[in-house]
């Protein structure tokens, strides 16, 4: 997991294992692009890595700061990579994800945001985990209810 400030300077990143990674914004609950804001990730030999927008954008907290997973990408070779952000002025970042609150909030200055690079899991695996959690909690509650009411006794 790597954390750095959001600016237009290129960042050199060492990725030691292959797999799925995500780029997240720390300090914002909503992020949008009103123009040509973007990021570019290149391997050391100049190969461009495709950054896919995460849908839905997962929200999380890290040390009490709200975060938003925005892009994910997969690498097949470990090594050094160069990450560059472009057109930072076209980025819209706000604290709340609720449109009724966002209308009255000022944009967050990109200099106040941080970028978090971390390993992640696929959307399919994340959904399976949520469904498994719901089924598991449901089974526990029904087990307790049956035990307390002695319905089969």
N, C-alpha and C. Protein backbone atom coordinates (compact mmCIF):
# COMPACT_ATOMS: atom_id res chain seq x y z
N UNK A 1 0.85 -1.17 0.00
CA UNK A 1 0.00 0.00 0.00
C UNK A 1 0.90 1.24 0.00
N UNK A 2 0.66 2.13 -0.94
CA UNK A 2 1.43 3.35 -1.09
C UNK A 2 0.48 4.54 -1.07
N UNK A 3 0.89 5.59 -0.38
CA UNK A 3 0.07 6.80 -0.28
C UNK A 3 0.92 8.00 -0.67
N UNK A 4 0.37 8.90 -1.50
CA UNK A 4 1.09 10.09 -1.89
C UNK A 4 0.12 11.21 -2.23
N UNK A 5 0.64 12.44 -2.33
CA UNK A 5 -0.21 13.60 -2.62
C UNK A 5 -0.61 13.61 -4.09
N UNK A 6 -1.73 14.24 -4.36
CA UNK A 6 -2.23 14.36 -5.72
C UNK A 6 -1.66 15.62 -6.34
N UNK A 7 -0.77 15.47 -7.29
CA UNK A 7 -0.23 16.60 -8.04
C UNK A 7 0.16 16.12 -9.43
N UNK A 8 0.63 17.02 -10.26
CA UNK A 8 0.92 16.67 -11.65
C UNK A 8 2.32 16.10 -11.85
N UNK A 9 3.09 15.98 -10.79
CA UNK A 9 4.42 15.38 -10.90
C UNK A 9 4.29 13.87 -11.07
N UNK A 10 5.16 13.29 -11.85
CA UNK A 10 5.17 11.84 -12.05
C UNK A 10 5.67 11.15 -10.79
N UNK A 11 5.04 10.04 -10.47
CA UNK A 11 5.41 9.25 -9.30
C UNK A 11 5.98 7.92 -9.77
N UNK A 12 7.10 7.53 -9.20
CA UNK A 12 7.67 6.22 -9.51
C UNK A 12 7.21 5.25 -8.44
N UNK A 13 6.60 4.15 -8.86
CA UNK A 13 6.01 3.19 -7.94
C UNK A 13 6.63 1.82 -8.18
N UNK A 14 6.98 1.15 -7.11
CA UNK A 14 7.50 -0.21 -7.19
C UNK A 14 6.38 -1.17 -6.84
N UNK A 15 5.96 -2.01 -7.79
CA UNK A 15 4.94 -3.04 -7.55
C UNK A 15 5.65 -4.38 -7.54
N UNK A 16 5.66 -5.03 -6.38
CA UNK A 16 6.45 -6.24 -6.21
C UNK A 16 5.72 -7.52 -6.56
N UNK A 17 4.41 -7.45 -6.75
CA UNK A 17 3.68 -8.67 -7.10
C UNK A 17 2.67 -8.35 -8.21
N UNK A 18 2.37 -9.35 -9.00
CA UNK A 18 1.39 -9.19 -10.06
C UNK A 18 -0.01 -9.29 -9.47
N UNK A 19 -1.01 -8.81 -10.21
CA UNK A 19 -2.38 -8.93 -9.73
C UNK A 19 -3.17 -7.67 -9.96
N UNK A 20 -4.27 -7.56 -9.22
CA UNK A 20 -5.21 -6.46 -9.36
C UNK A 20 -4.92 -5.39 -8.31
N UNK A 21 -4.83 -4.14 -8.74
CA UNK A 21 -4.56 -3.01 -7.87
C UNK A 21 -5.63 -1.95 -8.06
N UNK A 22 -5.74 -1.04 -7.08
CA UNK A 22 -6.68 0.07 -7.22
C UNK A 22 -6.00 1.38 -6.85
N UNK A 23 -6.49 2.45 -7.47
CA UNK A 23 -6.09 3.81 -7.13
C UNK A 23 -7.30 4.47 -6.48
N UNK A 24 -7.12 4.96 -5.27
CA UNK A 24 -8.23 5.54 -4.51
C UNK A 24 -7.89 6.97 -4.11
N UNK A 25 -8.93 7.79 -3.95
CA UNK A 25 -8.78 9.15 -3.45
C UNK A 25 -9.04 9.12 -1.95
N UNK A 26 -8.15 9.70 -1.16
CA UNK A 26 -8.34 9.85 0.28
C UNK A 26 -8.70 11.31 0.56
N UNK A 27 -9.80 11.52 1.27
CA UNK A 27 -10.22 12.87 1.63
C UNK A 27 -11.45 13.32 0.87
N UNK A 28 -12.05 12.44 0.06
CA UNK A 28 -13.25 12.80 -0.70
C UNK A 28 -14.21 11.63 -0.72
N UNK A 29 -15.51 11.94 -0.61
CA UNK A 29 -16.55 10.92 -0.70
C UNK A 29 -17.19 10.86 -2.07
N UNK A 30 -16.86 11.86 -2.91
CA UNK A 30 -17.40 11.92 -4.27
C UNK A 30 -16.32 12.51 -5.18
N UNK A 31 -16.10 11.87 -6.31
CA UNK A 31 -15.12 12.36 -7.29
C UNK A 31 -15.74 12.24 -8.66
N UNK A 32 -15.57 13.29 -9.47
CA UNK A 32 -16.06 13.26 -10.85
C UNK A 32 -15.09 14.04 -11.72
N UNK A 33 -15.24 13.86 -13.01
CA UNK A 33 -14.38 14.49 -13.99
C UNK A 33 -15.22 15.44 -14.84
N UNK A 34 -14.93 16.74 -14.81
CA UNK A 34 -15.70 17.70 -15.60
C UNK A 34 -15.02 18.03 -16.91
N UNK A 35 -14.00 17.31 -17.26
CA UNK A 35 -13.29 17.61 -18.51
C UNK A 35 -12.30 16.52 -18.86
N UNK A 36 -11.03 16.88 -18.76
CA UNK A 36 -9.98 15.98 -19.22
C UNK A 36 -9.07 15.49 -18.09
N UNK A 37 -9.57 15.48 -16.86
CA UNK A 37 -8.77 14.93 -15.76
C UNK A 37 -8.53 13.45 -16.04
N UNK A 38 -7.34 13.00 -15.76
CA UNK A 38 -7.05 11.59 -15.98
C UNK A 38 -5.72 11.20 -15.37
N UNK A 39 -5.46 9.91 -15.44
CA UNK A 39 -4.21 9.36 -14.94
C UNK A 39 -3.64 8.44 -15.99
N UNK A 40 -2.33 8.33 -15.97
CA UNK A 40 -1.64 7.45 -16.92
C UNK A 40 -0.61 6.64 -16.14
N UNK A 41 -0.62 5.35 -16.37
CA UNK A 41 0.32 4.45 -15.71
C UNK A 41 1.12 3.73 -16.79
N UNK A 42 2.45 3.85 -16.69
CA UNK A 42 3.33 3.21 -17.67
C UNK A 42 4.34 2.34 -16.94
N UNK A 43 4.67 1.22 -17.58
CA UNK A 43 5.73 0.37 -17.03
C UNK A 43 7.07 1.04 -17.33
N UNK A 44 8.12 0.48 -16.75
CA UNK A 44 9.45 1.05 -16.91
C UNK A 44 9.88 1.08 -18.39
N UNK A 45 9.41 0.09 -19.16
CA UNK A 45 9.78 0.04 -20.58
C UNK A 45 8.82 0.82 -21.48
N UNK A 46 7.88 1.59 -20.89
CA UNK A 46 7.01 2.47 -21.65
C UNK A 46 5.65 1.88 -22.02
N UNK A 47 5.37 0.66 -21.61
CA UNK A 47 4.08 0.04 -21.93
C UNK A 47 2.99 0.69 -21.09
N UNK A 48 1.91 1.14 -21.75
CA UNK A 48 0.80 1.80 -21.08
C UNK A 48 -0.12 0.76 -20.43
N UNK A 49 -0.44 0.96 -19.16
CA UNK A 49 -1.34 0.07 -18.41
C UNK A 49 -2.72 0.71 -18.41
N UNK A 50 -3.73 -0.06 -18.78
CA UNK A 50 -5.10 0.48 -18.87
C UNK A 50 -5.69 0.63 -17.47
N UNK A 51 -6.16 1.84 -17.16
CA UNK A 51 -6.84 2.12 -15.90
C UNK A 51 -8.34 2.08 -16.15
N UNK A 52 -9.05 1.20 -15.45
CA UNK A 52 -10.49 1.05 -15.60
C UNK A 52 -11.19 1.73 -14.43
N UNK A 53 -12.24 2.50 -14.74
CA UNK A 53 -13.02 3.12 -13.66
C UNK A 53 -13.73 2.03 -12.88
N UNK A 54 -13.69 2.13 -11.57
CA UNK A 54 -14.36 1.17 -10.70
C UNK A 54 -15.84 1.51 -10.65
N UNK A 55 -16.66 0.49 -10.86
CA UNK A 55 -18.11 0.69 -10.72
C UNK A 55 -18.67 -0.45 -9.90
N UNK A 56 -19.33 -0.18 -8.82
CA UNK A 56 -19.50 1.13 -8.20
C UNK A 56 -18.22 1.58 -7.50
N UNK A 57 -18.14 2.88 -7.20
CA UNK A 57 -16.99 3.41 -6.48
C UNK A 57 -17.15 3.06 -5.01
N UNK A 58 -16.29 2.19 -4.51
CA UNK A 58 -16.38 1.74 -3.12
C UNK A 58 -15.82 2.79 -2.19
N UNK A 59 -16.55 3.05 -1.13
CA UNK A 59 -16.11 4.00 -0.11
C UNK A 59 -15.56 3.23 1.07
N UNK A 60 -14.56 3.81 1.72
CA UNK A 60 -13.93 3.18 2.88
C UNK A 60 -13.35 4.28 3.76
N UNK A 61 -12.89 3.89 4.92
CA UNK A 61 -12.21 4.82 5.82
C UNK A 61 -10.83 4.27 6.14
N UNK A 62 -9.87 5.17 6.13
CA UNK A 62 -8.50 4.83 6.52
C UNK A 62 -8.05 5.86 7.54
N UNK A 63 -7.84 5.41 8.77
CA UNK A 63 -7.46 6.29 9.87
C UNK A 63 -8.42 7.46 10.03
N UNK A 64 -9.71 7.19 9.86
CA UNK A 64 -10.75 8.20 10.04
C UNK A 64 -10.98 9.10 8.84
N UNK A 65 -10.21 8.92 7.77
CA UNK A 65 -10.37 9.72 6.57
C UNK A 65 -11.15 8.92 5.53
N UNK A 66 -12.17 9.55 4.95
CA UNK A 66 -12.97 8.85 3.94
C UNK A 66 -12.17 8.68 2.66
N UNK A 67 -12.37 7.54 2.03
CA UNK A 67 -11.69 7.25 0.78
C UNK A 67 -12.66 6.73 -0.25
N UNK A 68 -12.26 6.80 -1.51
CA UNK A 68 -13.11 6.38 -2.62
C UNK A 68 -12.25 5.66 -3.64
N UNK A 69 -12.56 4.39 -3.88
CA UNK A 69 -11.83 3.63 -4.89
C UNK A 69 -12.32 4.09 -6.26
N UNK A 70 -11.41 4.57 -7.12
CA UNK A 70 -11.81 5.21 -8.37
C UNK A 70 -11.38 4.43 -9.61
N UNK A 71 -10.15 3.93 -9.64
CA UNK A 71 -9.65 3.15 -10.78
C UNK A 71 -9.12 1.82 -10.30
N UNK A 72 -9.14 0.82 -11.17
CA UNK A 72 -8.44 -0.43 -10.89
C UNK A 72 -7.70 -0.84 -12.16
N UNK A 73 -6.64 -1.63 -11.96
CA UNK A 73 -5.84 -2.09 -13.08
C UNK A 73 -5.16 -3.39 -12.68
N UNK A 74 -4.74 -4.12 -13.70
CA UNK A 74 -4.08 -5.40 -13.47
C UNK A 74 -2.70 -5.36 -14.10
N UNK A 75 -1.71 -5.87 -13.36
CA UNK A 75 -0.37 -5.94 -13.92
C UNK A 75 0.05 -7.40 -14.00
N UNK A 76 0.81 -7.71 -15.04
CA UNK A 76 1.27 -9.09 -15.23
C UNK A 76 2.76 -9.24 -14.96
N UNK A 77 3.45 -8.12 -14.75
CA UNK A 77 4.88 -8.15 -14.44
C UNK A 77 5.17 -7.21 -13.28
N UNK A 78 5.91 -7.69 -12.29
CA UNK A 78 6.31 -6.80 -11.20
C UNK A 78 7.43 -5.90 -11.69
N UNK A 79 7.62 -4.78 -11.01
CA UNK A 79 8.66 -3.84 -11.40
C UNK A 79 8.29 -2.41 -11.09
N UNK A 80 9.02 -1.48 -11.71
CA UNK A 80 8.78 -0.06 -11.50
C UNK A 80 7.77 0.45 -12.53
N UNK A 81 6.88 1.33 -12.05
CA UNK A 81 5.87 1.94 -12.90
C UNK A 81 5.85 3.43 -12.64
N UNK A 82 5.46 4.20 -13.66
CA UNK A 82 5.38 5.65 -13.56
C UNK A 82 3.91 6.06 -13.64
N UNK A 83 3.43 6.78 -12.61
CA UNK A 83 2.05 7.24 -12.55
C UNK A 83 2.04 8.76 -12.67
N UNK A 84 1.22 9.26 -13.61
CA UNK A 84 1.12 10.69 -13.86
C UNK A 84 -0.34 11.10 -13.91
N UNK A 85 -0.68 12.20 -13.25
CA UNK A 85 -2.03 12.76 -13.30
C UNK A 85 -2.03 13.98 -14.19
N UNK A 86 -3.11 14.14 -14.97
CA UNK A 86 -3.21 15.24 -15.93
C UNK A 86 -4.47 16.05 -15.67
N UNK A 87 -4.40 17.34 -15.95
CA UNK A 87 -5.55 18.26 -15.88
C UNK A 87 -6.25 18.21 -14.52
N UNK A 88 -5.51 18.47 -13.47
CA UNK A 88 -6.06 18.41 -12.11
C UNK A 88 -7.19 19.41 -11.89
N UNK A 89 -7.21 20.49 -12.63
CA UNK A 89 -8.27 21.50 -12.46
C UNK A 89 -9.63 21.00 -12.91
N UNK A 90 -9.67 19.94 -13.72
CA UNK A 90 -10.94 19.37 -14.18
C UNK A 90 -11.53 18.37 -13.19
N UNK A 91 -10.84 18.11 -12.09
CA UNK A 91 -11.32 17.17 -11.09
C UNK A 91 -12.32 17.85 -10.17
N UNK A 92 -13.46 17.18 -9.96
CA UNK A 92 -14.45 17.65 -8.99
C UNK A 92 -14.41 16.66 -7.83
N UNK A 93 -14.06 17.13 -6.65
CA UNK A 93 -14.03 16.29 -5.47
C UNK A 93 -14.78 16.99 -4.36
N UNK A 94 -15.69 16.26 -3.71
CA UNK A 94 -16.47 16.82 -2.61
C UNK A 94 -16.52 15.81 -1.48
N UNK A 95 -16.89 16.29 -0.29
CA UNK A 95 -16.89 15.42 0.88
C UNK A 95 -18.03 14.42 0.89
N UNK A 96 -19.21 14.82 0.46
CA UNK A 96 -20.38 13.95 0.57
C UNK A 96 -20.73 13.31 -0.76
N UNK A 97 -21.21 12.07 -0.69
CA UNK A 97 -21.68 11.40 -1.89
C UNK A 97 -23.15 11.73 -2.16
N UNK A 98 -23.84 12.29 -1.19
CA UNK A 98 -25.26 12.62 -1.36
C UNK A 98 -25.42 13.91 -2.16
N UNK A 99 -26.20 13.85 -3.23
CA UNK A 99 -26.37 15.02 -4.10
C UNK A 99 -26.99 16.20 -3.35
N UNK A 100 -27.87 15.92 -2.39
CA UNK A 100 -28.51 17.02 -1.64
C UNK A 100 -27.49 17.78 -0.79
N UNK A 101 -26.44 17.14 -0.34
CA UNK A 101 -25.39 17.82 0.42
C UNK A 101 -24.33 18.40 -0.52
N UNK A 102 -24.02 17.66 -1.59
CA UNK A 102 -22.98 18.08 -2.53
C UNK A 102 -23.28 19.41 -3.18
N UNK A 103 -24.57 19.71 -3.42
CA UNK A 103 -24.93 20.96 -4.08
C UNK A 103 -24.42 22.17 -3.31
N UNK A 104 -24.32 22.06 -2.00
CA UNK A 104 -23.94 23.19 -1.16
C UNK A 104 -22.50 23.15 -0.70
N UNK A 105 -21.74 22.15 -1.14
CA UNK A 105 -20.35 22.03 -0.72
C UNK A 105 -19.42 22.62 -1.78
N UNK A 106 -18.32 23.16 -1.30
CA UNK A 106 -17.29 23.65 -2.21
C UNK A 106 -16.44 22.47 -2.69
N UNK A 107 -15.83 22.66 -3.85
CA UNK A 107 -14.91 21.64 -4.36
C UNK A 107 -13.70 21.55 -3.43
N UNK A 108 -13.21 20.36 -3.26
CA UNK A 108 -11.99 20.15 -2.49
C UNK A 108 -10.81 20.42 -3.41
N UNK A 109 -9.86 21.20 -2.94
CA UNK A 109 -8.66 21.48 -3.71
C UNK A 109 -7.88 20.17 -3.90
N UNK A 110 -7.47 19.85 -5.13
CA UNK A 110 -6.73 18.60 -5.36
C UNK A 110 -5.48 18.47 -4.49
N UNK A 111 -4.89 19.58 -4.09
CA UNK A 111 -3.70 19.53 -3.24
C UNK A 111 -4.03 18.98 -1.85
N UNK A 112 -5.31 19.01 -1.46
CA UNK A 112 -5.72 18.48 -0.15
C UNK A 112 -6.10 17.01 -0.21
N UNK A 113 -6.03 16.42 -1.38
CA UNK A 113 -6.35 15.00 -1.54
C UNK A 113 -5.08 14.17 -1.58
N UNK A 114 -5.22 12.93 -1.19
CA UNK A 114 -4.12 11.97 -1.30
C UNK A 114 -4.58 10.83 -2.19
N UNK A 115 -3.62 10.17 -2.79
CA UNK A 115 -3.88 8.99 -3.62
C UNK A 115 -3.35 7.77 -2.87
N UNK A 116 -4.17 6.73 -2.83
CA UNK A 116 -3.80 5.48 -2.18
C UNK A 116 -3.75 4.40 -3.24
N UNK A 117 -2.61 3.75 -3.36
CA UNK A 117 -2.43 2.63 -4.29
C UNK A 117 -2.36 1.37 -3.45
N UNK A 118 -3.24 0.41 -3.73
CA UNK A 118 -3.26 -0.81 -2.92
C UNK A 118 -3.74 -1.99 -3.76
N UNK A 119 -3.44 -3.18 -3.29
CA UNK A 119 -3.97 -4.37 -3.93
C UNK A 119 -5.46 -4.45 -3.63
N UNK A 120 -6.23 -5.01 -4.55
CA UNK A 120 -7.68 -5.07 -4.39
C UNK A 120 -8.20 -6.41 -4.89
N UNK A 121 -9.51 -6.59 -4.79
CA UNK A 121 -10.16 -7.79 -5.32
C UNK A 121 -11.13 -7.37 -6.41
N UNK A 122 -11.52 -8.33 -7.23
CA UNK A 122 -12.42 -8.01 -8.34
C UNK A 122 -13.82 -7.70 -7.82
N UNK A 123 -14.60 -7.02 -8.63
CA UNK A 123 -15.98 -6.68 -8.27
C UNK A 123 -16.79 -7.95 -8.04
N UNK A 124 -16.59 -8.96 -8.86
CA UNK A 124 -17.31 -10.23 -8.71
C UNK A 124 -17.02 -10.85 -7.34
N UNK A 125 -15.76 -10.90 -6.94
CA UNK A 125 -15.41 -11.47 -5.63
C UNK A 125 -15.96 -10.62 -4.49
N UNK A 126 -15.97 -9.32 -4.67
CA UNK A 126 -16.51 -8.43 -3.63
C UNK A 126 -18.01 -8.67 -3.45
N UNK A 127 -18.75 -8.83 -4.57
CA UNK A 127 -20.19 -9.10 -4.49
C UNK A 127 -20.47 -10.46 -3.86
N UNK A 128 -19.67 -11.49 -4.22
CA UNK A 128 -19.83 -12.81 -3.60
C UNK A 128 -19.60 -12.72 -2.09
N UNK A 129 -18.64 -11.92 -1.67
CA UNK A 129 -18.37 -11.75 -0.24
C UNK A 129 -19.55 -11.11 0.48
N UNK A 130 -20.15 -10.10 -0.14
CA UNK A 130 -21.30 -9.41 0.47
C UNK A 130 -22.49 -10.37 0.56
N UNK A 131 -22.76 -11.11 -0.52
CA UNK A 131 -23.86 -12.08 -0.51
C UNK A 131 -23.60 -13.15 0.55
N UNK A 132 -22.38 -13.64 0.64
CA UNK A 132 -22.04 -14.63 1.66
C UNK A 132 -22.24 -14.10 3.07
N UNK A 133 -21.87 -12.84 3.29
CA UNK A 133 -22.07 -12.21 4.60
C UNK A 133 -23.55 -12.13 4.94
N UNK A 134 -24.36 -11.70 3.98
CA UNK A 134 -25.81 -11.58 4.22
C UNK A 134 -26.42 -12.94 4.54
N UNK A 135 -26.07 -13.96 3.76
CA UNK A 135 -26.59 -15.31 4.00
C UNK A 135 -26.12 -15.84 5.35
N UNK A 136 -24.85 -15.60 5.68
CA UNK A 136 -24.32 -16.07 6.96
C UNK A 136 -24.99 -15.41 8.15
N UNK A 137 -25.17 -14.11 8.10
CA UNK A 137 -25.84 -13.39 9.19
C UNK A 137 -27.28 -13.87 9.32
N UNK A 138 -27.94 -14.05 8.18
CA UNK A 138 -29.31 -14.55 8.18
C UNK A 138 -29.39 -15.93 8.83
N UNK A 139 -28.46 -16.82 8.51
CA UNK A 139 -28.44 -18.16 9.08
C UNK A 139 -28.23 -18.12 10.59
N UNK A 140 -27.34 -17.24 11.05
CA UNK A 140 -27.09 -17.11 12.50
C UNK A 140 -28.35 -16.62 13.21
N UNK A 141 -29.00 -15.61 12.66
CA UNK A 141 -30.22 -15.07 13.30
C UNK A 141 -31.31 -16.14 13.35
N UNK A 142 -31.52 -16.87 12.25
CA UNK A 142 -32.53 -17.94 12.25
C UNK A 142 -32.16 -19.04 13.23
N UNK A 143 -30.89 -19.35 13.35
CA UNK A 143 -30.45 -20.36 14.32
C UNK A 143 -30.75 -19.95 15.75
N UNK A 144 -30.49 -18.68 16.05
CA UNK A 144 -30.78 -18.18 17.39
C UNK A 144 -32.29 -18.18 17.65
N UNK A 145 -33.09 -17.72 16.68
CA UNK A 145 -34.54 -17.70 16.85
C UNK A 145 -35.10 -19.10 17.05
N UNK A 146 -34.62 -20.06 16.27
CA UNK A 146 -35.11 -21.43 16.42
C UNK A 146 -34.70 -22.00 17.76
N UNK A 147 -33.47 -21.69 18.18
CA UNK A 147 -33.01 -22.17 19.48
C UNK A 147 -33.80 -21.58 20.64
N UNK A 148 -34.15 -20.30 20.54
CA UNK A 148 -34.87 -19.64 21.61
C UNK A 148 -36.35 -20.04 21.66
N UNK A 149 -36.94 -20.24 20.51
CA UNK A 149 -38.37 -20.56 20.49
C UNK A 149 -38.64 -22.06 20.53
N UNK A 150 -37.57 -22.83 20.35
CA UNK A 150 -37.70 -24.30 20.38
C UNK A 150 -38.78 -24.74 19.40
N UNK A 151 -38.74 -24.18 18.18
CA UNK A 151 -39.79 -24.39 17.18
C UNK A 151 -39.91 -25.85 16.74
N UNK A 152 -38.81 -26.59 16.77
CA UNK A 152 -38.87 -27.97 16.28
C UNK A 152 -38.91 -28.99 17.43
N UNK A 153 -39.16 -28.53 18.62
CA UNK A 153 -39.10 -29.45 19.77
C UNK A 153 -40.38 -29.83 20.31
